[in-house]
Amino acid sequence: MAVFNLKVNKKNVQVDVDPSTPMLWVLRDHLDLVGTKYGCGIAQCGACTIHLDGFAVRSCITFVDSVGDKEITTIEGLSENGDHPVQEAWMEHDVPQCGYCQAGQIMNAAAFLKSNPHPGDEEIETAMNGNICRCGTYTRIKAAIKTAANS
């Protein structure tokens, strides 16, 4: 075990965990931030996507000892009131069905739009390709990203 000082959703927190603990489990089990979901555990589905210094990463394979002083943002910290443009567009387009993958989808889309604020269809499809939605709401996801890009 080791003590790690982390900055999560703009708050300084301290956790005492094994250095090889994935951030997914630090967030869920030690910090009670359960919006980040476990999907596959091998970085293939995107349900566990969080931001490290604004970049989308898969928290299931990001170990706590690799985070250092990077700022961690989870779906709970994306906006105070759920009013991030991507979150609002998600609601406008009625994207979620089961909702399980949505936090990861939103986090990936938000990071993507930060680096590419006016993407075309192909760019959206490429950027979102690694996030799986078992309900198949891909058409609504793309529409929501376009709406968020124009807001």
N, C-alpha and C. Protein backbone atom coordinates (compact mmCIF):
# COMPACT_ATOMS: atom_id res chain seq x y z
N MET A 1 0.84 -1.19 0.00
CA MET A 1 0.00 0.00 0.00
C MET A 1 0.88 1.25 0.00
N ALA A 2 0.31 2.29 -0.58
CA ALA A 2 1.01 3.57 -0.62
C ALA A 2 -0.04 4.68 -0.59
N VAL A 3 0.37 5.83 -0.13
CA VAL A 3 -0.52 6.98 -0.08
C VAL A 3 -0.30 7.82 -1.34
N PHE A 4 -1.42 8.14 -2.00
CA PHE A 4 -1.37 8.97 -3.21
C PHE A 4 -2.21 10.21 -2.99
N ASN A 5 -1.62 11.36 -3.32
CA ASN A 5 -2.33 12.63 -3.28
C ASN A 5 -2.80 12.92 -4.69
N LEU A 6 -4.10 12.98 -4.87
CA LEU A 6 -4.69 13.16 -6.19
C LEU A 6 -5.55 14.41 -6.22
N LYS A 7 -5.71 14.95 -7.42
CA LYS A 7 -6.66 16.05 -7.62
C LYS A 7 -7.78 15.49 -8.48
N VAL A 8 -8.94 15.30 -7.85
CA VAL A 8 -10.09 14.70 -8.53
C VAL A 8 -11.25 15.70 -8.51
N ASN A 9 -11.71 16.05 -9.68
CA ASN A 9 -12.83 16.99 -9.81
C ASN A 9 -12.57 18.27 -9.02
N LYS A 10 -11.35 18.78 -9.15
CA LYS A 10 -10.90 20.03 -8.55
C LYS A 10 -10.77 19.99 -7.03
N LYS A 11 -10.77 18.78 -6.47
CA LYS A 11 -10.58 18.63 -5.03
C LYS A 11 -9.34 17.78 -4.78
N ASN A 12 -8.58 18.14 -3.77
CA ASN A 12 -7.43 17.33 -3.37
C ASN A 12 -7.92 16.20 -2.47
N VAL A 13 -7.53 14.99 -2.84
CA VAL A 13 -7.92 13.81 -2.06
C VAL A 13 -6.69 12.96 -1.83
N GLN A 14 -6.79 12.12 -0.84
CA GLN A 14 -5.68 11.21 -0.52
C GLN A 14 -6.25 9.80 -0.41
N VAL A 15 -5.56 8.86 -1.05
CA VAL A 15 -5.97 7.46 -0.97
C VAL A 15 -4.78 6.60 -0.61
N ASP A 16 -5.04 5.56 0.14
CA ASP A 16 -4.01 4.61 0.54
C ASP A 16 -4.34 3.28 -0.15
N VAL A 17 -3.68 3.03 -1.28
CA VAL A 17 -4.00 1.86 -2.10
C VAL A 17 -2.72 1.25 -2.66
N ASP A 18 -2.85 0.06 -3.18
CA ASP A 18 -1.74 -0.58 -3.89
C ASP A 18 -1.41 0.27 -5.13
N PRO A 19 -0.15 0.52 -5.42
CA PRO A 19 0.23 1.35 -6.56
C PRO A 19 -0.30 0.84 -7.91
N SER A 20 -0.59 -0.45 -8.01
CA SER A 20 -1.08 -0.98 -9.27
C SER A 20 -2.61 -1.01 -9.37
N THR A 21 -3.28 -0.29 -8.47
CA THR A 21 -4.73 -0.22 -8.51
C THR A 21 -5.17 0.65 -9.67
N PRO A 22 -6.05 0.13 -10.52
CA PRO A 22 -6.57 0.97 -11.61
C PRO A 22 -7.39 2.14 -11.05
N MET A 23 -7.31 3.27 -11.71
CA MET A 23 -8.05 4.45 -11.29
C MET A 23 -9.55 4.18 -11.21
N LEU A 24 -10.06 3.31 -12.05
CA LEU A 24 -11.47 2.95 -11.99
C LEU A 24 -11.87 2.54 -10.58
N TRP A 25 -11.06 1.69 -9.96
CA TRP A 25 -11.39 1.18 -8.63
C TRP A 25 -11.06 2.19 -7.54
N VAL A 26 -10.06 3.04 -7.76
CA VAL A 26 -9.80 4.12 -6.81
C VAL A 26 -11.03 5.03 -6.76
N LEU A 27 -11.52 5.40 -7.93
CA LEU A 27 -12.67 6.30 -8.01
C LEU A 27 -13.92 5.67 -7.39
N ARG A 28 -14.23 4.47 -7.82
CA ARG A 28 -15.46 3.82 -7.39
C ARG A 28 -15.41 3.33 -5.94
N ASP A 29 -14.36 2.61 -5.58
CA ASP A 29 -14.31 1.95 -4.27
C ASP A 29 -13.76 2.80 -3.15
N HIS A 30 -12.91 3.75 -3.47
CA HIS A 30 -12.27 4.54 -2.42
C HIS A 30 -12.79 5.97 -2.33
N LEU A 31 -13.32 6.49 -3.45
CA LEU A 31 -13.80 7.87 -3.45
C LEU A 31 -15.31 7.97 -3.68
N ASP A 32 -15.97 6.82 -3.83
CA ASP A 32 -17.42 6.77 -4.02
C ASP A 32 -17.91 7.58 -5.23
N LEU A 33 -17.11 7.65 -6.25
CA LEU A 33 -17.49 8.29 -7.51
C LEU A 33 -17.87 7.17 -8.48
N VAL A 34 -19.13 6.81 -8.47
CA VAL A 34 -19.56 5.61 -9.20
C VAL A 34 -20.12 5.90 -10.59
N GLY A 35 -20.01 7.12 -11.07
CA GLY A 35 -20.45 7.43 -12.43
C GLY A 35 -19.57 6.78 -13.47
N THR A 36 -18.31 6.59 -13.15
CA THR A 36 -17.38 5.90 -14.03
C THR A 36 -17.68 4.41 -13.92
N LYS A 37 -17.97 3.78 -15.04
CA LYS A 37 -18.45 2.40 -15.02
C LYS A 37 -17.38 1.39 -15.42
N TYR A 38 -17.52 0.19 -14.88
CA TYR A 38 -16.71 -0.95 -15.30
C TYR A 38 -17.45 -1.62 -16.45
N GLY A 39 -16.76 -1.78 -17.57
CA GLY A 39 -17.37 -2.45 -18.70
C GLY A 39 -16.65 -3.74 -19.04
N CYS A 40 -15.41 -3.61 -19.48
CA CYS A 40 -14.68 -4.79 -19.95
C CYS A 40 -13.39 -5.05 -19.17
N GLY A 41 -12.81 -4.02 -18.61
CA GLY A 41 -11.57 -4.16 -17.85
C GLY A 41 -10.32 -4.23 -18.70
N ILE A 42 -10.46 -4.11 -20.03
CA ILE A 42 -9.30 -4.19 -20.93
C ILE A 42 -9.25 -3.03 -21.93
N ALA A 43 -9.89 -1.92 -21.59
CA ALA A 43 -9.85 -0.69 -22.38
C ALA A 43 -10.44 -0.81 -23.78
N GLN A 44 -11.40 -1.70 -23.94
CA GLN A 44 -11.99 -1.90 -25.26
C GLN A 44 -13.39 -1.29 -25.42
N CYS A 45 -14.07 -0.95 -24.31
CA CYS A 45 -15.46 -0.52 -24.44
C CYS A 45 -15.68 0.97 -24.17
N GLY A 46 -14.83 1.60 -23.37
CA GLY A 46 -14.94 3.02 -23.11
C GLY A 46 -15.85 3.42 -21.96
N ALA A 47 -16.51 2.48 -21.31
CA ALA A 47 -17.42 2.82 -20.22
C ALA A 47 -16.70 3.52 -19.07
N CYS A 48 -15.41 3.27 -18.92
CA CYS A 48 -14.64 3.80 -17.80
C CYS A 48 -13.87 5.08 -18.13
N THR A 49 -14.21 5.74 -19.22
CA THR A 49 -13.45 6.91 -19.67
C THR A 49 -13.55 8.07 -18.68
N ILE A 50 -12.37 8.61 -18.34
CA ILE A 50 -12.24 9.80 -17.52
C ILE A 50 -11.29 10.74 -18.24
N HIS A 51 -11.06 11.92 -17.68
CA HIS A 51 -10.08 12.85 -18.24
C HIS A 51 -8.87 12.93 -17.30
N LEU A 52 -7.69 12.90 -17.90
CA LEU A 52 -6.45 13.22 -17.19
C LEU A 52 -5.90 14.45 -17.88
N ASP A 53 -5.85 15.55 -17.16
CA ASP A 53 -5.44 16.83 -17.74
C ASP A 53 -6.19 17.13 -19.03
N GLY A 54 -7.47 16.78 -19.06
CA GLY A 54 -8.32 17.09 -20.21
C GLY A 54 -8.34 16.07 -21.32
N PHE A 55 -7.49 15.06 -21.23
CA PHE A 55 -7.44 14.03 -22.26
C PHE A 55 -8.22 12.81 -21.81
N ALA A 56 -8.99 12.22 -22.72
CA ALA A 56 -9.78 11.02 -22.41
C ALA A 56 -8.85 9.82 -22.26
N VAL A 57 -9.00 9.11 -21.15
CA VAL A 57 -8.23 7.88 -20.90
C VAL A 57 -9.16 6.83 -20.32
N ARG A 58 -8.77 5.59 -20.45
CA ARG A 58 -9.53 4.48 -19.90
C ARG A 58 -9.03 4.21 -18.49
N SER A 59 -9.89 4.44 -17.53
CA SER A 59 -9.47 4.32 -16.13
C SER A 59 -9.25 2.88 -15.69
N CYS A 60 -9.74 1.91 -16.46
CA CYS A 60 -9.55 0.50 -16.07
C CYS A 60 -8.11 0.04 -16.27
N ILE A 61 -7.34 0.76 -17.10
CA ILE A 61 -5.94 0.40 -17.32
C ILE A 61 -4.97 1.53 -16.95
N THR A 62 -5.51 2.58 -16.32
CA THR A 62 -4.68 3.68 -15.85
C THR A 62 -4.44 3.47 -14.36
N PHE A 63 -3.23 3.10 -14.03
CA PHE A 63 -2.91 2.77 -12.64
C PHE A 63 -2.65 4.04 -11.83
N VAL A 64 -3.04 4.01 -10.58
CA VAL A 64 -2.95 5.16 -9.72
C VAL A 64 -1.52 5.70 -9.64
N ASP A 65 -0.52 4.82 -9.68
CA ASP A 65 0.86 5.30 -9.58
C ASP A 65 1.35 5.99 -10.85
N SER A 66 0.57 5.94 -11.93
CA SER A 66 0.97 6.62 -13.17
C SER A 66 0.34 8.00 -13.31
N VAL A 67 -0.56 8.35 -12.41
CA VAL A 67 -1.30 9.60 -12.54
C VAL A 67 -0.44 10.81 -12.17
N GLY A 68 0.37 10.69 -11.15
CA GLY A 68 1.21 11.81 -10.72
C GLY A 68 0.36 12.99 -10.31
N ASP A 69 0.70 14.17 -10.82
CA ASP A 69 -0.03 15.38 -10.43
C ASP A 69 -1.05 15.81 -11.48
N LYS A 70 -1.38 14.91 -12.38
CA LYS A 70 -2.39 15.23 -13.40
C LYS A 70 -3.76 15.40 -12.75
N GLU A 71 -4.53 16.31 -13.32
CA GLU A 71 -5.88 16.54 -12.82
C GLU A 71 -6.84 15.50 -13.40
N ILE A 72 -7.57 14.87 -12.52
CA ILE A 72 -8.53 13.84 -12.90
C ILE A 72 -9.93 14.45 -12.91
N THR A 73 -10.66 14.22 -13.99
CA THR A 73 -12.05 14.66 -14.06
C THR A 73 -12.91 13.45 -14.39
N THR A 74 -13.94 13.26 -13.60
CA THR A 74 -14.91 12.18 -13.84
C THR A 74 -16.21 12.82 -14.34
N ILE A 75 -17.17 11.99 -14.69
CA ILE A 75 -18.46 12.51 -15.13
C ILE A 75 -19.08 13.40 -14.06
N GLU A 76 -18.84 13.09 -12.79
CA GLU A 76 -19.38 13.91 -11.70
C GLU A 76 -18.76 15.30 -11.69
N GLY A 77 -17.56 15.44 -12.21
CA GLY A 77 -16.86 16.72 -12.19
C GLY A 77 -16.87 17.46 -13.51
N LEU A 78 -17.51 16.90 -14.52
CA LEU A 78 -17.52 17.55 -15.84
C LEU A 78 -18.20 18.91 -15.77
N SER A 79 -19.28 19.00 -15.01
CA SER A 79 -19.95 20.28 -14.76
C SER A 79 -20.68 20.18 -13.44
N GLU A 80 -20.86 21.30 -12.80
CA GLU A 80 -21.51 21.31 -11.49
C GLU A 80 -22.97 20.89 -11.55
N ASN A 81 -23.66 21.35 -12.59
CA ASN A 81 -25.11 21.16 -12.66
C ASN A 81 -25.55 20.31 -13.84
N GLY A 82 -24.64 19.55 -14.42
CA GLY A 82 -25.00 18.77 -15.60
C GLY A 82 -25.28 19.62 -16.81
N ASP A 83 -24.66 20.80 -16.85
CA ASP A 83 -24.94 21.72 -17.95
C ASP A 83 -23.77 21.88 -18.93
N HIS A 84 -22.88 20.93 -18.94
CA HIS A 84 -21.84 20.93 -19.97
C HIS A 84 -22.56 20.79 -21.32
N PRO A 85 -22.08 21.46 -22.36
CA PRO A 85 -22.76 21.38 -23.67
C PRO A 85 -23.00 19.95 -24.16
N VAL A 86 -22.08 19.05 -23.88
CA VAL A 86 -22.29 17.66 -24.31
C VAL A 86 -23.43 17.02 -23.50
N GLN A 87 -23.47 17.27 -22.22
CA GLN A 87 -24.55 16.72 -21.39
C GLN A 87 -25.91 17.27 -21.82
N GLU A 88 -25.95 18.56 -22.10
CA GLU A 88 -27.21 19.15 -22.56
C GLU A 88 -27.65 18.57 -23.90
N ALA A 89 -26.69 18.41 -24.81
CA ALA A 89 -27.01 17.83 -26.12
C ALA A 89 -27.47 16.39 -25.98
N TRP A 90 -26.89 15.66 -25.04
CA TRP A 90 -27.29 14.27 -24.79
C TRP A 90 -28.77 14.22 -24.42
N MET A 91 -29.19 15.14 -23.58
CA MET A 91 -30.60 15.18 -23.16
C MET A 91 -31.49 15.64 -24.32
N GLU A 92 -31.04 16.64 -25.04
CA GLU A 92 -31.83 17.15 -26.17
C GLU A 92 -32.11 16.06 -27.20
N HIS A 93 -31.13 15.21 -27.43
CA HIS A 93 -31.28 14.15 -28.44
C HIS A 93 -31.75 12.84 -27.84
N ASP A 94 -32.06 12.84 -26.54
CA ASP A 94 -32.58 11.65 -25.87
C ASP A 94 -31.67 10.44 -26.15
N VAL A 95 -30.36 10.64 -25.96
CA VAL A 95 -29.38 9.62 -26.31
C VAL A 95 -29.48 8.35 -25.46
N PRO A 96 -29.53 8.45 -24.13
CA PRO A 96 -29.45 7.23 -23.33
C PRO A 96 -30.64 6.30 -23.48
N GLN A 97 -30.36 5.03 -23.51
CA GLN A 97 -31.40 4.01 -23.36
C GLN A 97 -31.13 3.35 -22.01
N CYS A 98 -30.25 2.37 -21.98
CA CYS A 98 -29.94 1.77 -20.68
C CYS A 98 -29.07 2.71 -19.86
N GLY A 99 -28.25 3.52 -20.53
CA GLY A 99 -27.44 4.53 -19.87
C GLY A 99 -26.09 4.07 -19.37
N TYR A 100 -25.81 2.79 -19.41
CA TYR A 100 -24.59 2.28 -18.80
C TYR A 100 -23.33 2.89 -19.41
N CYS A 101 -23.28 3.02 -20.69
CA CYS A 101 -22.06 3.52 -21.36
C CYS A 101 -22.00 5.03 -21.44
N GLN A 102 -23.07 5.69 -21.06
CA GLN A 102 -23.19 7.11 -21.36
C GLN A 102 -22.14 8.00 -20.70
N ALA A 103 -21.76 7.72 -19.47
CA ALA A 103 -20.72 8.55 -18.84
C ALA A 103 -19.44 8.49 -19.66
N GLY A 104 -19.04 7.30 -20.07
CA GLY A 104 -17.84 7.15 -20.89
C GLY A 104 -17.98 7.82 -22.24
N GLN A 105 -19.16 7.69 -22.84
CA GLN A 105 -19.42 8.34 -24.14
C GLN A 105 -19.30 9.86 -23.99
N ILE A 106 -19.93 10.39 -22.97
CA ILE A 106 -19.92 11.85 -22.74
C ILE A 106 -18.50 12.34 -22.47
N MET A 107 -17.76 11.62 -21.64
CA MET A 107 -16.40 12.05 -21.32
C MET A 107 -15.51 12.01 -22.57
N ASN A 108 -15.66 10.99 -23.39
CA ASN A 108 -14.87 10.91 -24.62
C ASN A 108 -15.26 12.04 -25.56
N ALA A 109 -16.56 12.28 -25.72
CA ALA A 109 -17.04 13.34 -26.61
C ALA A 109 -16.57 14.72 -26.14
N ALA A 110 -16.61 14.96 -24.83
CA ALA A 110 -16.19 16.27 -24.30
C ALA A 110 -14.71 16.52 -24.56
N ALA A 111 -13.88 15.51 -24.35
CA ALA A 111 -12.44 15.67 -24.62
C ALA A 111 -12.20 15.86 -26.11
N PHE A 112 -12.91 15.10 -26.92
CA PHE A 112 -12.77 15.22 -28.38
C PHE A 112 -13.14 16.62 -28.85
N LEU A 113 -14.27 17.15 -28.39
CA LEU A 113 -14.70 18.48 -28.83
C LEU A 113 -13.77 19.58 -28.32
N LYS A 114 -13.11 19.34 -27.23
CA LYS A 114 -12.14 20.33 -26.73
C LYS A 114 -10.98 20.46 -27.71
N SER A 115 -10.57 19.33 -28.29
CA SER A 115 -9.45 19.35 -29.24
C SER A 115 -9.90 19.59 -30.68
N ASN A 116 -11.17 19.35 -30.97
CA ASN A 116 -11.69 19.53 -32.32
C ASN A 116 -13.11 20.09 -32.20
N PRO A 117 -13.24 21.42 -32.02
CA PRO A 117 -14.54 22.00 -31.71
C PRO A 117 -15.56 21.99 -32.86
N HIS A 118 -15.12 21.74 -34.08
CA HIS A 118 -16.05 21.75 -35.21
C HIS A 118 -15.79 20.54 -36.11
N PRO A 119 -16.06 19.34 -35.60
CA PRO A 119 -15.74 18.12 -36.36
C PRO A 119 -16.78 17.80 -37.43
N GLY A 120 -16.32 17.07 -38.43
CA GLY A 120 -17.21 16.51 -39.43
C GLY A 120 -17.67 15.13 -39.00
N ASP A 121 -18.58 14.56 -39.77
CA ASP A 121 -19.13 13.24 -39.44
C ASP A 121 -18.06 12.17 -39.29
N GLU A 122 -17.14 12.12 -40.23
CA GLU A 122 -16.10 11.09 -40.17
C GLU A 122 -15.21 11.26 -38.95
N GLU A 123 -14.91 12.50 -38.61
CA GLU A 123 -14.07 12.76 -37.43
C GLU A 123 -14.79 12.31 -36.16
N ILE A 124 -16.09 12.56 -36.08
CA ILE A 124 -16.87 12.12 -34.92
C ILE A 124 -16.85 10.60 -34.84
N GLU A 125 -17.12 9.96 -35.96
CA GLU A 125 -17.16 8.49 -35.97
C GLU A 125 -15.82 7.90 -35.57
N THR A 126 -14.73 8.47 -36.06
CA THR A 126 -13.40 7.98 -35.71
C THR A 126 -13.12 8.19 -34.23
N ALA A 127 -13.43 9.38 -33.73
CA ALA A 127 -13.15 9.70 -32.32
C ALA A 127 -13.95 8.84 -31.37
N MET A 128 -15.18 8.50 -31.75
CA MET A 128 -16.06 7.75 -30.85
C MET A 128 -16.02 6.25 -31.10
N ASN A 129 -15.23 5.82 -32.05
CA ASN A 129 -15.18 4.42 -32.46
C ASN A 129 -14.89 3.46 -31.31
N GLY A 130 -14.09 3.84 -30.35
CA GLY A 130 -13.72 2.94 -29.27
C GLY A 130 -14.70 2.88 -28.12
N ASN A 131 -15.78 3.65 -28.20
CA ASN A 131 -16.80 3.62 -27.15
C ASN A 131 -17.99 2.81 -27.65
N ILE A 132 -18.25 1.72 -26.95
CA ILE A 132 -19.30 0.79 -27.37
C ILE A 132 -20.61 1.12 -26.66
N CYS A 133 -21.69 1.12 -27.43
CA CYS A 133 -23.03 1.28 -26.89
C CYS A 133 -23.81 0.03 -27.28
N ARG A 134 -24.10 -0.79 -26.31
CA ARG A 134 -24.84 -2.03 -26.60
C ARG A 134 -26.25 -1.77 -27.07
N CYS A 135 -26.81 -0.62 -26.72
CA CYS A 135 -28.17 -0.31 -27.16
C CYS A 135 -28.20 0.23 -28.59
N GLY A 136 -27.04 0.61 -29.11
CA GLY A 136 -26.95 1.06 -30.49
C GLY A 136 -27.44 2.47 -30.74
N THR A 137 -27.20 3.38 -29.81
CA THR A 137 -27.67 4.76 -29.98
C THR A 137 -26.67 5.63 -30.74
N TYR A 138 -25.89 5.02 -31.58
CA TYR A 138 -24.81 5.73 -32.28
C TYR A 138 -25.30 6.93 -33.11
N THR A 139 -26.44 6.81 -33.75
CA THR A 139 -26.96 7.91 -34.56
C THR A 139 -27.27 9.11 -33.68
N ARG A 140 -27.88 8.85 -32.51
CA ARG A 140 -28.20 9.94 -31.58
C ARG A 140 -26.94 10.50 -30.93
N ILE A 141 -25.96 9.64 -30.68
CA ILE A 141 -24.68 10.10 -30.12
C ILE A 141 -24.04 11.09 -31.09
N LYS A 142 -23.98 10.72 -32.36
CA LYS A 142 -23.37 11.62 -33.36
C LYS A 142 -24.15 12.93 -33.46
N ALA A 143 -25.47 12.86 -33.46
CA ALA A 143 -26.29 14.07 -33.53
C ALA A 143 -26.04 14.96 -32.32
N ALA A 144 -25.93 14.36 -31.14
CA ALA A 144 -25.68 15.14 -29.92
C ALA A 144 -24.31 15.81 -29.97
N ILE A 145 -23.33 15.12 -30.47
CA ILE A 145 -21.98 15.71 -30.58
C ILE A 145 -22.01 16.89 -31.54
N LYS A 146 -22.73 16.74 -32.65
CA LYS A 146 -22.86 17.87 -33.60
C LYS A 146 -23.54 19.06 -32.94
N THR A 147 -24.58 18.81 -32.16
CA THR A 147 -25.29 19.88 -31.46
C THR A 147 -24.36 20.55 -30.45
N ALA A 148 -23.63 19.75 -29.69
CA ALA A 148 -22.70 20.30 -28.69
C ALA A 148 -21.61 21.13 -29.37
N ALA A 149 -21.17 20.70 -30.53
CA ALA A 149 -20.13 21.43 -31.26
C ALA A 149 -20.64 22.81 -31.72
N ASN A 150 -21.92 22.90 -31.96
CA ASN A 150 -22.50 24.16 -32.43
C ASN A 150 -23.02 25.07 -31.31
N SER A 151 -22.84 24.61 -30.07
CA SER A 151 -23.36 25.44 -28.97
C SER A 151 -22.32 26.39 -28.43
